[in-house]
Amino acid sequence: MSKTLGNVVTPMPLLEKYTADGARYWAACARLGADTAADEKVFKVGKRLQTKLYNAGKFVLAQEGPVAPLRCELDRAFAAELRRLAASATRHFEAFQHDRALAETETFFWSRFTDTYIELAKLRARDESDPAGSGSAVAGLRLGLSVLLRLFAPFLPYITEEVWSWAFAEERGEPFIHRAPWPGDDDFADVAAPDDEASFQLASTCWNAINKAKADAAVSMGREIEAMTLAANAATLAAARPVLADVLAAVRCREHRLEERAGLEDGSVEVVAPIFAERPNE
């Protein structure tokens, strides 16, 4: 670029279009010491992530039921995965691998938090007839948001500071997220271990299998299911039972039957003969 030639390009159009967080996300995706080109597609991904964090924060903090100990298996199993993520991100930062910390946190946020845990826990969070279960779900959602905001803070400093200020700044006595303690064991000190560390993954597997059955039948994800059968081997069925109520509520299933099939692999679930409601309840 040359002032004489008049071909100077400034970053202002990108900042105005994708925000400073979007630009920082692009920079953080690059491995330390590696050359990287300005790719507007990456800026766009950063802006999308920023928007999703904003919306997830609004949703989670709108669940205003009383917070209770994490007693439900789904919540405890999710917390166990979240704890492992925080530990892994910490190790990456200590090894100066910030790009890997971002990639793992981003994948977890989309696939485990927003697309799975929020969808599975939100109905229980609103269930006033079960204060303990509702409080457990609210606590799990808030724990997830609090930890993920701090893990994202080095990469998306502005949106994380904004969402943090809505509730956690006052509740935790930490006015600024960038001065708050990094996520670690203290965040999970009061959370009991799940009965089965794989139960959250199994809930996700059931959830995805049922949604695939809806997609295969060309019905909307909000369509109610009159009845269906879930088939799995004995060990998988036993592991699924503690989290099955949340899955069935999320997919709007009225009646279900469990069928044991010895030939299926551990963790594998099949949806058999689903009967969908004639009218969608969306």
C-alpha atoms as a PDB file:
ATOM      1  CA  MET A   1       0.000   0.000   0.000  1.00  0.00           C
ATOM      2  CA  SER A   2       1.188   3.484  -0.767  1.00  0.00           C
ATOM      3  CA  LYS A   3      -0.122   6.907   0.191  1.00  0.00           C
ATOM      4  CA  THR A   4       1.302   8.226  -3.050  1.00  0.00           C
ATOM      5  CA  LEU A   5      -0.625   5.719  -5.130  1.00  0.00           C
ATOM      6  CA  GLY A   6      -3.703   6.179  -2.994  1.00  0.00           C
ATOM      7  CA  ASN A   7      -4.306   2.440  -2.608  1.00  0.00           C
ATOM      8  CA  VAL A   8      -4.329   2.321   1.199  1.00  0.00           C
ATOM      9  CA  VAL A   9      -6.904  -0.078   2.643  1.00  0.00           C
ATOM     10  CA  THR A  10      -8.089   0.420   6.233  1.00  0.00           C
ATOM     11  CA  PRO A  11      -9.840  -2.153   8.418  1.00  0.00           C
ATOM     12  CA  MET A  12     -12.729   0.189   9.219  1.00  0.00           C
ATOM     13  CA  PRO A  13     -15.234  -1.323   6.723  1.00  0.00           C
ATOM     14  CA  LEU A  14     -14.634  -4.783   8.216  1.00  0.00           C
ATOM     15  CA  LEU A  15     -14.933  -3.457  11.775  1.00  0.00           C
ATOM     16  CA  GLU A  16     -18.143  -1.632  10.946  1.00  0.00           C
ATOM     17  CA  LYS A  17     -19.639  -4.703   9.273  1.00  0.00           C
ATOM     18  CA  TYR A  18     -18.425  -7.472  11.572  1.00  0.00           C
ATOM     19  CA  THR A  19     -17.571  -5.554  14.800  1.00  0.00           C
ATOM     20  CA  ALA A  20     -14.314  -5.526  16.743  1.00  0.00           C
ATOM     21  CA  ASP A  21     -15.165  -8.948  18.218  1.00  0.00           C
ATOM     22  CA  GLY A  22     -15.492 -10.373  14.710  1.00  0.00           C
ATOM     23  CA  ALA A  23     -12.073  -9.009  13.797  1.00  0.00           C
ATOM     24  CA  ARG A  24     -10.507 -10.332  16.991  1.00  0.00           C
ATOM     25  CA  TYR A  25     -12.066 -13.736  16.340  1.00  0.00           C
ATOM     26  CA  TRP A  26     -10.405 -13.828  12.909  1.00  0.00           C
ATOM     27  CA  ALA A  27      -7.041 -12.983  14.470  1.00  0.00           C
ATOM     28  CA  ALA A  28      -7.461 -15.562  17.251  1.00  0.00           C
ATOM     29  CA  CYS A  29      -8.156 -18.359  14.767  1.00  0.00           C
ATOM     30  CA  ALA A  30      -4.582 -18.112  13.507  1.00  0.00           C
ATOM     31  CA  ARG A  31      -1.962 -20.345  15.077  1.00  0.00           C
ATOM     32  CA  LEU A  32       0.770 -18.482  16.932  1.00  0.00           C
ATOM     33  CA  GLY A  33       3.626 -17.668  14.544  1.00  0.00           C
ATOM     34  CA  ALA A  34       1.667 -18.582  11.406  1.00  0.00           C
ATOM     35  CA  ASP A  35       0.934 -16.187   8.561  1.00  0.00           C
ATOM     36  CA  THR A  36      -2.740 -15.656   7.884  1.00  0.00           C
ATOM     37  CA  ALA A  37      -4.712 -13.807   5.230  1.00  0.00           C
ATOM     38  CA  ALA A  38      -7.693 -11.576   5.845  1.00  0.00           C
ATOM     39  CA  ASP A  39     -10.652 -13.814   5.066  1.00  0.00           C
ATOM     40  CA  GLU A  40     -14.036 -12.137   5.258  1.00  0.00           C
ATOM     41  CA  LYS A  41     -15.718 -15.516   5.715  1.00  0.00           C
ATOM     42  CA  VAL A  42     -13.937 -15.907   9.054  1.00  0.00           C
ATOM     43  CA  PHE A  43     -15.019 -12.424  10.126  1.00  0.00           C
ATOM     44  CA  LYS A  44     -18.577 -13.487   9.323  1.00  0.00           C
ATOM     45  CA  VAL A  45     -18.272 -16.608  11.486  1.00  0.00           C
ATOM     46  CA  GLY A  46     -17.026 -14.434  14.354  1.00  0.00           C
ATOM     47  CA  LYS A  47     -19.999 -12.096  14.025  1.00  0.00           C
ATOM     48  CA  ARG A  48     -22.375 -15.075  13.994  1.00  0.00           C
ATOM     49  CA  LEU A  49     -20.760 -16.452  17.157  1.00  0.00           C
ATOM     50  CA  GLN A  50     -21.061 -13.050  18.806  1.00  0.00           C
ATOM     51  CA  THR A  51     -24.782 -12.911  17.982  1.00  0.00           C
ATOM     52  CA  LYS A  52     -25.349 -16.444  19.274  1.00  0.00           C
ATOM     53  CA  LEU A  53     -23.612 -15.632  22.564  1.00  0.00           C
ATOM     54  CA  TYR A  54     -25.847 -12.600  22.959  1.00  0.00           C
ATOM     55  CA  ASN A  55     -29.011 -14.619  22.301  1.00  0.00           C
ATOM     56  CA  ALA A  56     -27.918 -17.537  24.493  1.00  0.00           C
ATOM     57  CA  GLY A  57     -27.195 -15.125  27.320  1.00  0.00           C
ATOM     58  CA  LYS A  58     -30.627 -13.537  27.031  1.00  0.00           C
ATOM     59  CA  PHE A  59     -32.333 -16.926  27.051  1.00  0.00           C
ATOM     60  CA  VAL A  60     -30.411 -18.434  29.955  1.00  0.00           C
ATOM     61  CA  LEU A  61     -30.737 -15.393  32.198  1.00  0.00           C
ATOM     62  CA  ALA A  62     -34.468 -15.192  31.431  1.00  0.00           C
ATOM     63  CA  GLN A  63     -34.932 -18.492  33.298  1.00  0.00           C
ATOM     64  CA  GLU A  64     -35.706 -16.891  36.636  1.00  0.00           C
ATOM     65  CA  GLY A  65     -36.641 -19.901  38.748  1.00  0.00           C
ATOM     66  CA  PRO A  66     -34.805 -20.436  42.039  1.00  0.00           C
ATOM     67  CA  VAL A  67     -31.364 -21.945  41.612  1.00  0.00           C
ATOM     68  CA  ALA A  68     -30.948 -25.326  43.318  1.00  0.00           C
ATOM     69  CA  PRO A  69     -28.113 -27.862  43.523  1.00  0.00           C
ATOM     70  CA  LEU A  70     -27.435 -29.793  40.333  1.00  0.00           C
ATOM     71  CA  ARG A  71     -29.266 -32.999  41.233  1.00  0.00           C
ATOM     72  CA  CYS A  72     -30.502 -34.278  37.856  1.00  0.00           C
ATOM     73  CA  GLU A  73     -28.298 -36.662  35.909  1.00  0.00           C
ATOM     74  CA  LEU A  74     -28.448 -34.609  32.704  1.00  0.00           C
ATOM     75  CA  ASP A  75     -27.245 -31.472  34.486  1.00  0.00           C
ATOM     76  CA  ARG A  76     -24.445 -33.238  36.356  1.00  0.00           C
ATOM     77  CA  ALA A  77     -23.275 -35.037  33.213  1.00  0.00           C
ATOM     78  CA  PHE A  78     -23.249 -31.750  31.282  1.00  0.00           C
ATOM     79  CA  ALA A  79     -21.255 -30.106  34.076  1.00  0.00           C
ATOM     80  CA  ALA A  80     -18.711 -32.944  33.918  1.00  0.00           C
ATOM     81  CA  GLU A  81     -18.159 -32.290  30.191  1.00  0.00           C
ATOM     82  CA  LEU A  82     -17.958 -28.546  30.823  1.00  0.00           C
ATOM     83  CA  ARG A  83     -15.323 -29.131  33.488  1.00  0.00           C
ATOM     84  CA  ARG A  84     -13.227 -31.160  31.075  1.00  0.00           C
ATOM     85  CA  LEU A  85     -13.522 -28.380  28.476  1.00  0.00           C
ATOM     86  CA  ALA A  86     -12.294 -25.747  30.952  1.00  0.00           C
ATOM     87  CA  ALA A  87      -9.331 -27.924  31.895  1.00  0.00           C
ATOM     88  CA  SER A  88      -8.461 -28.566  28.248  1.00  0.00           C
ATOM     89  CA  ALA A  89      -8.700 -24.875  27.302  1.00  0.00           C
ATOM     90  CA  THR A  90      -6.449 -24.016  30.238  1.00  0.00           C
ATOM     91  CA  ARG A  91      -3.822 -26.511  29.081  1.00  0.00           C
ATOM     92  CA  HIS A  92      -3.908 -25.046  25.570  1.00  0.00           C
ATOM     93  CA  PHE A  93      -3.374 -21.518  26.870  1.00  0.00           C
ATOM     94  CA  GLU A  94      -0.485 -22.670  29.039  1.00  0.00           C
ATOM     95  CA  ALA A  95       1.064 -24.178  25.884  1.00  0.00           C
ATOM     96  CA  PHE A  96       0.445 -20.914  23.945  1.00  0.00           C
ATOM     97  CA  GLN A  97      -2.080 -22.677  21.718  1.00  0.00           C
ATOM     98  CA  HIS A  98      -4.855 -20.113  21.926  1.00  0.00           C
ATOM     99  CA  ASP A  99      -6.275 -21.187  18.561  1.00  0.00           C
ATOM    100  CA  ARG A 100      -6.942 -24.700  19.888  1.00  0.00           C
ATOM    101  CA  ALA A 101      -8.573 -23.288  23.023  1.00  0.00           C
ATOM    102  CA  LEU A 102     -10.893 -21.214  20.845  1.00  0.00           C
ATOM    103  CA  ALA A 103     -11.712 -24.105  18.503  1.00  0.00           C
ATOM    104  CA  GLU A 104     -12.625 -26.484  21.336  1.00  0.00           C
ATOM    105  CA  THR A 105     -14.670 -23.864  23.190  1.00  0.00           C
ATOM    106  CA  GLU A 106     -16.531 -22.860  20.035  1.00  0.00           C
ATOM    107  CA  THR A 107     -17.337 -26.472  19.126  1.00  0.00           C
ATOM    108  CA  PHE A 108     -18.607 -27.173  22.637  1.00  0.00           C
ATOM    109  CA  PHE A 109     -20.702 -23.996  22.673  1.00  0.00           C
ATOM    110  CA  TRP A 110     -22.524 -24.863  19.461  1.00  0.00           C
ATOM    111  CA  SER A 111     -22.811 -28.640  19.650  1.00  0.00           C
ATOM    112  CA  ARG A 112     -23.102 -29.293  23.387  1.00  0.00           C
ATOM    113  CA  PHE A 113     -24.518 -26.119  24.937  1.00  0.00           C
ATOM    114  CA  THR A 114     -26.837 -24.284  22.539  1.00  0.00           C
ATOM    115  CA  ASP A 115     -27.855 -27.143  20.227  1.00  0.00           C
ATOM    116  CA  THR A 116     -28.169 -29.822  22.909  1.00  0.00           C
ATOM    117  CA  TYR A 117     -28.144 -28.894  26.596  1.00  0.00           C
ATOM    118  CA  ILE A 118     -30.321 -25.797  26.325  1.00  0.00           C
ATOM    119  CA  GLU A 119     -32.839 -27.683  24.202  1.00  0.00           C
ATOM    120  CA  LEU A 120     -32.950 -30.655  26.594  1.00  0.00           C
ATOM    121  CA  ALA A 121     -33.070 -28.670  29.842  1.00  0.00           C
ATOM    122  CA  LYS A 122     -35.265 -25.675  29.024  1.00  0.00           C
ATOM    123  CA  LEU A 123     -38.653 -27.306  29.584  1.00  0.00           C
ATOM    124  CA  ARG A 124     -37.623 -28.622  33.009  1.00  0.00           C
ATOM    125  CA  ALA A 125     -36.221 -25.184  33.853  1.00  0.00           C
ATOM    126  CA  ARG A 126     -39.751 -23.788  33.412  1.00  0.00           C
ATOM    127  CA  ASP A 127     -41.553 -26.599  35.247  1.00  0.00           C
ATOM    128  CA  GLU A 128     -42.962 -24.969  38.377  1.00  0.00           C
ATOM    129  CA  SER A 129     -44.413 -28.292  39.554  1.00  0.00           C
ATOM    130  CA  ASP A 130     -40.895 -29.661  40.182  1.00  0.00           C
ATOM    131  CA  PRO A 131     -38.894 -26.985  42.059  1.00  0.00           C
ATOM    132  CA  ALA A 132     -35.865 -29.233  42.608  1.00  0.00           C
ATOM    133  CA  GLY A 133     -35.687 -30.322  38.963  1.00  0.00           C
ATOM    134  CA  SER A 134     -36.342 -26.802  37.717  1.00  0.00           C
ATOM    135  CA  GLY A 135     -33.724 -25.322  40.012  1.00  0.00           C
ATOM    136  CA  SER A 136     -31.197 -27.923  38.909  1.00  0.00           C
ATOM    137  CA  ALA A 137     -31.786 -27.038  35.244  1.00  0.00           C
ATOM    138  CA  VAL A 138     -31.544 -23.290  35.901  1.00  0.00           C
ATOM    139  CA  ALA A 139     -28.311 -23.815  37.817  1.00  0.00           C
ATOM    140  CA  GLY A 140     -26.883 -25.960  35.030  1.00  0.00           C
ATOM    141  CA  LEU A 141     -27.764 -23.382  32.375  1.00  0.00           C
ATOM    142  CA  ARG A 142     -26.237 -20.526  34.369  1.00  0.00           C
ATOM    143  CA  LEU A 143     -23.102 -22.531  35.134  1.00  0.00           C
ATOM    144  CA  GLY A 144     -22.688 -23.286  31.436  1.00  0.00           C
ATOM    145  CA  LEU A 145     -23.118 -19.645  30.453  1.00  0.00           C
ATOM    146  CA  SER A 146     -20.791 -18.336  33.165  1.00  0.00           C
ATOM    147  CA  VAL A 147     -17.962 -20.717  32.292  1.00  0.00           C
ATOM    148  CA  LEU A 148     -18.315 -20.305  28.524  1.00  0.00           C
ATOM    149  CA  LEU A 149     -18.375 -16.516  28.746  1.00  0.00           C
ATOM    150  CA  ARG A 150     -15.034 -16.569  30.577  1.00  0.00           C
ATOM    151  CA  LEU A 151     -13.545 -19.072  28.141  1.00  0.00           C
ATOM    152  CA  PHE A 152     -14.587 -16.835  25.229  1.00  0.00           C
ATOM    153  CA  ALA A 153     -13.556 -13.566  26.911  1.00  0.00           C
ATOM    154  CA  PRO A 154     -10.000 -13.464  25.482  1.00  0.00           C
ATOM    155  CA  PHE A 155     -11.406 -13.842  21.964  1.00  0.00           C
ATOM    156  CA  LEU A 156     -14.699 -11.907  22.100  1.00  0.00           C
ATOM    157  CA  PRO A 157     -14.036  -9.296  24.794  1.00  0.00           C
ATOM    158  CA  TYR A 158     -16.909  -6.934  24.118  1.00  0.00           C
ATOM    159  CA  ILE A 159     -19.916  -9.243  23.893  1.00  0.00           C
ATOM    160  CA  THR A 160     -18.710 -11.348  26.822  1.00  0.00           C
ATOM    161  CA  GLU A 161     -18.322  -8.224  28.969  1.00  0.00           C
ATOM    162  CA  GLU A 162     -21.809  -7.109  27.988  1.00  0.00           C
ATOM    163  CA  VAL A 163     -23.525 -10.410  28.823  1.00  0.00           C
ATOM    164  CA  TRP A 164     -21.498 -10.778  32.031  1.00  0.00           C
ATOM    165  CA  SER A 165     -22.739  -7.364  33.186  1.00  0.00           C
ATOM    166  CA  TRP A 166     -26.386  -8.448  33.008  1.00  0.00           C
ATOM    167  CA  ALA A 167     -26.215 -10.687  36.077  1.00  0.00           C
ATOM    168  CA  PHE A 168     -22.889 -12.307  36.923  1.00  0.00           C
ATOM    169  CA  ALA A 169     -21.074  -9.032  37.648  1.00  0.00           C
ATOM    170  CA  GLU A 170     -23.301  -8.364  40.663  1.00  0.00           C
ATOM    171  CA  GLU A 171     -23.928 -11.969  41.691  1.00  0.00           C
ATOM    172  CA  ARG A 172     -20.263 -12.944  41.740  1.00  0.00           C
ATOM    173  CA  GLY A 173     -18.903  -9.612  42.935  1.00  0.00           C
ATOM    174  CA  GLU A 174     -16.767  -9.349  39.796  1.00  0.00           C
ATOM    175  CA  PRO A 175     -17.745  -6.154  37.916  1.00  0.00           C
ATOM    176  CA  PHE A 176     -15.569  -7.000  34.897  1.00  0.00           C
ATOM    177  CA  ILE A 177     -15.316 -10.393  33.255  1.00  0.00           C
ATOM    178  CA  HIS A 178     -11.670  -9.760  32.356  1.00  0.00           C
ATOM    179  CA  ARG A 179     -10.810  -9.565  36.056  1.00  0.00           C
ATOM    180  CA  ALA A 180     -12.973 -12.525  37.057  1.00  0.00           C
ATOM    181  CA  PRO A 181     -11.255 -15.816  37.974  1.00  0.00           C
ATOM    182  CA  TRP A 182     -10.530 -18.132  35.068  1.00  0.00           C
ATOM    183  CA  PRO A 183     -12.839 -21.199  35.044  1.00  0.00           C
ATOM    184  CA  GLY A 184     -11.477 -24.026  37.135  1.00  0.00           C
ATOM    185  CA  ASP A 185     -12.243 -26.578  39.813  1.00  0.00           C
ATOM    186  CA  ASP A 186     -13.800 -23.965  42.126  1.00  0.00           C
ATOM    187  CA  ASP A 187     -16.677 -23.534  39.678  1.00  0.00           C
ATOM    188  CA  PHE A 188     -17.551 -27.220  40.037  1.00  0.00           C
ATOM    189  CA  ALA A 189     -16.769 -27.748  43.712  1.00  0.00           C
ATOM    190  CA  ASP A 190     -20.443 -28.163  44.668  1.00  0.00           C
ATOM    191  CA  VAL A 191     -21.415 -30.309  41.673  1.00  0.00           C
ATOM    192  CA  ALA A 192     -21.644 -34.049  42.287  1.00  0.00           C
ATOM    193  CA  ALA A 193     -20.267 -36.377  39.657  1.00  0.00           C
ATOM    194  CA  PRO A 194     -22.852 -37.975  37.334  1.00  0.00           C
ATOM    195  CA  ASP A 195     -23.812 -41.589  37.831  1.00  0.00           C
ATOM    196  CA  ASP A 196     -22.529 -42.256  34.305  1.00  0.00           C
ATOM    197  CA  GLU A 197     -20.056 -39.904  32.608  1.00  0.00           C
ATOM    198  CA  ALA A 198     -21.461 -40.944  29.212  1.00  0.00           C
ATOM    199  CA  SER A 199     -25.075 -40.102  30.004  1.00  0.00           C
ATOM    200  CA  PHE A 200     -24.970 -36.633  28.463  1.00  0.00           C
ATOM    201  CA  GLN A 201     -23.603 -38.069  25.245  1.00  0.00           C
ATOM    202  CA  LEU A 202     -26.314 -40.715  25.322  1.00  0.00           C
ATOM    203  CA  ALA A 203     -29.015 -38.067  25.787  1.00  0.00           C
ATOM    204  CA  SER A 204     -27.545 -36.236  22.789  1.00  0.00           C
ATOM    205  CA  THR A 205     -27.562 -39.458  20.751  1.00  0.00           C
ATOM    206  CA  CYS A 206     -31.243 -40.089  21.533  1.00  0.00           C
ATOM    207  CA  TRP A 207     -32.125 -36.470  20.779  1.00  0.00           C
ATOM    208  CA  ASN A 208     -30.358 -36.552  17.416  1.00  0.00           C
ATOM    209  CA  ALA A 209     -31.822 -39.947  16.466  1.00  0.00           C
ATOM    210  CA  ILE A 210     -35.376 -38.772  17.130  1.00  0.00           C
ATOM    211  CA  ASN A 211     -34.852 -35.501  15.272  1.00  0.00           C
ATOM    212  CA  LYS A 212     -33.429 -37.470  12.344  1.00  0.00           C
ATOM    213  CA  ALA A 213     -36.588 -39.604  12.340  1.00  0.00           C
ATOM    214  CA  LYS A 214     -38.623 -36.408  12.095  1.00  0.00           C
ATOM    215  CA  ALA A 215     -36.455 -35.127   9.261  1.00  0.00           C
ATOM    216  CA  ASP A 216     -36.719 -38.449   7.416  1.00  0.00           C
ATOM    217  CA  ALA A 217     -40.501 -38.239   7.732  1.00  0.00           C
ATOM    218  CA  ALA A 218     -40.444 -34.651   6.444  1.00  0.00           C
ATOM    219  CA  VAL A 219     -42.153 -33.257   9.534  1.00  0.00           C
ATOM    220  CA  SER A 220     -41.054 -30.227  11.508  1.00  0.00           C
ATOM    221  CA  MET A 221     -38.848 -30.553  14.597  1.00  0.00           C
ATOM    222  CA  GLY A 222     -41.746 -29.168  16.639  1.00  0.00           C
ATOM    223  CA  ARG A 223     -44.190 -31.895  15.587  1.00  0.00           C
ATOM    224  CA  GLU A 224     -45.497 -33.951  18.492  1.00  0.00           C
ATOM    225  CA  ILE A 225     -44.936 -37.699  18.516  1.00  0.00           C
ATOM    226  CA  GLU A 226     -47.947 -39.782  19.447  1.00  0.00           C
ATOM    227  CA  ALA A 227     -45.883 -42.903  20.122  1.00  0.00           C
ATOM    228  CA  MET A 228     -42.547 -44.456  19.266  1.00  0.00           C
ATOM    229  CA  THR A 229     -40.142 -47.216  20.259  1.00  0.00           C
ATOM    230  CA  LEU A 230     -36.497 -46.680  21.206  1.00  0.00           C
ATOM    231  CA  ALA A 231     -34.315 -49.723  20.591  1.00  0.00           C
ATOM    232  CA  ALA A 232     -30.887 -50.294  22.159  1.00  0.00           C
ATOM    233  CA  ASN A 233     -28.963 -52.983  23.954  1.00  0.00           C
ATOM    234  CA  ALA A 234     -29.566 -53.604  27.664  1.00  0.00           C
ATOM    235  CA  ALA A 235     -26.606 -51.563  28.908  1.00  0.00           C
ATOM    236  CA  THR A 236     -27.514 -48.563  26.759  1.00  0.00           C
ATOM    237  CA  LEU A 237     -31.163 -48.648  27.840  1.00  0.00           C
ATOM    238  CA  ALA A 238     -30.115 -48.757  31.495  1.00  0.00           C
ATOM    239  CA  ALA A 239     -27.773 -45.786  31.028  1.00  0.00           C
ATOM    240  CA  ALA A 240     -30.418 -43.816  29.102  1.00  0.00           C
ATOM    241  CA  ARG A 241     -33.206 -44.070  31.674  1.00  0.00           C
ATOM    242  CA  PRO A 242     -31.971 -41.265  34.005  1.00  0.00           C
ATOM    243  CA  VAL A 243     -31.884 -38.733  31.145  1.00  0.00           C
ATOM    244  CA  LEU A 244     -34.742 -40.044  29.035  1.00  0.00           C
ATOM    245  CA  ALA A 245     -37.456 -37.850  30.560  1.00  0.00           C
ATOM    246  CA  ASP A 246     -35.664 -34.685  29.409  1.00  0.00           C
ATOM    247  CA  VAL A 247     -35.194 -36.100  25.908  1.00  0.00           C
ATOM    248  CA  LEU A 248     -38.828 -37.172  25.551  1.00  0.00           C
ATOM    249  CA  ALA A 249     -40.077 -33.807  26.781  1.00  0.00           C
ATOM    250  CA  ALA A 250     -37.800 -31.970  24.343  1.00  0.00           C
ATOM    251  CA  VAL A 251     -39.008 -33.978  21.328  1.00  0.00           C
ATOM    252  CA  ARG A 252     -42.654 -33.780  22.501  1.00  0.00           C
ATOM    253  CA  CYS A 253     -43.253 -37.500  22.739  1.00  0.00           C
ATOM    254  CA  ARG A 254     -46.502 -38.563  24.406  1.00  0.00           C
ATOM    255  CA  GLU A 255     -45.927 -42.306  24.652  1.00  0.00           C
ATOM    256  CA  HIS A 256     -42.842 -44.420  24.240  1.00  0.00           C
ATOM    257  CA  ARG A 257     -41.649 -47.986  24.579  1.00  0.00           C
ATOM    258  CA  LEU A 258     -38.136 -49.305  25.148  1.00  0.00           C
ATOM    259  CA  GLU A 259     -37.041 -52.362  23.214  1.00  0.00           C
ATOM    260  CA  GLU A 260     -33.934 -54.368  24.020  1.00  0.00           C
ATOM    261  CA  ARG A 261     -31.838 -55.418  21.018  1.00  0.00           C
ATOM    262  CA  ALA A 262     -28.698 -57.307  21.904  1.00  0.00           C
ATOM    263  CA  GLY A 263     -27.172 -56.820  18.456  1.00  0.00           C
ATOM    264  CA  LEU A 264     -26.826 -53.029  18.744  1.00  0.00           C
ATOM    265  CA  GLU A 265     -23.534 -51.518  19.859  1.00  0.00           C
ATOM    266  CA  ASP A 266     -23.153 -49.714  23.176  1.00  0.00           C
ATOM    267  CA  GLY A 267     -24.372 -46.131  22.856  1.00  0.00           C
ATOM    268  CA  SER A 268     -26.324 -46.860  19.670  1.00  0.00           C
ATOM    269  CA  VAL A 269     -30.049 -46.033  19.593  1.00  0.00           C
ATOM    270  CA  GLU A 270     -32.647 -46.690  16.901  1.00  0.00           C
ATOM    271  CA  VAL A 271     -36.061 -45.047  16.576  1.00  0.00           C
ATOM    272  CA  VAL A 272     -38.698 -47.576  15.532  1.00  0.00           C
ATOM    273  CA  ALA A 273     -42.158 -46.895  14.080  1.00  0.00           C
ATOM    274  CA  PRO A 274     -42.685 -43.290  15.199  1.00  0.00           C
ATOM    275  CA  ILE A 275     -46.268 -42.082  14.905  1.00  0.00           C
ATOM    276  CA  PHE A 276     -46.501 -38.324  14.506  1.00  0.00           C
ATOM    277  CA  ALA A 277     -49.419 -36.142  15.528  1.00  0.00           C
ATOM    278  CA  GLU A 278     -51.637 -35.084  12.645  1.00  0.00           C
ATOM    279  CA  ARG A 279     -51.367 -31.439  13.531  1.00  0.00           C
ATOM    280  CA  PRO A 280     -48.076 -29.796  14.444  1.00  0.00           C
ATOM    281  CA  ASN A 281     -47.898 -28.141  17.844  1.00  0.00           C
ATOM    282  CA  GLU A 282     -45.244 -25.533  17.169  1.00  0.00           C
END
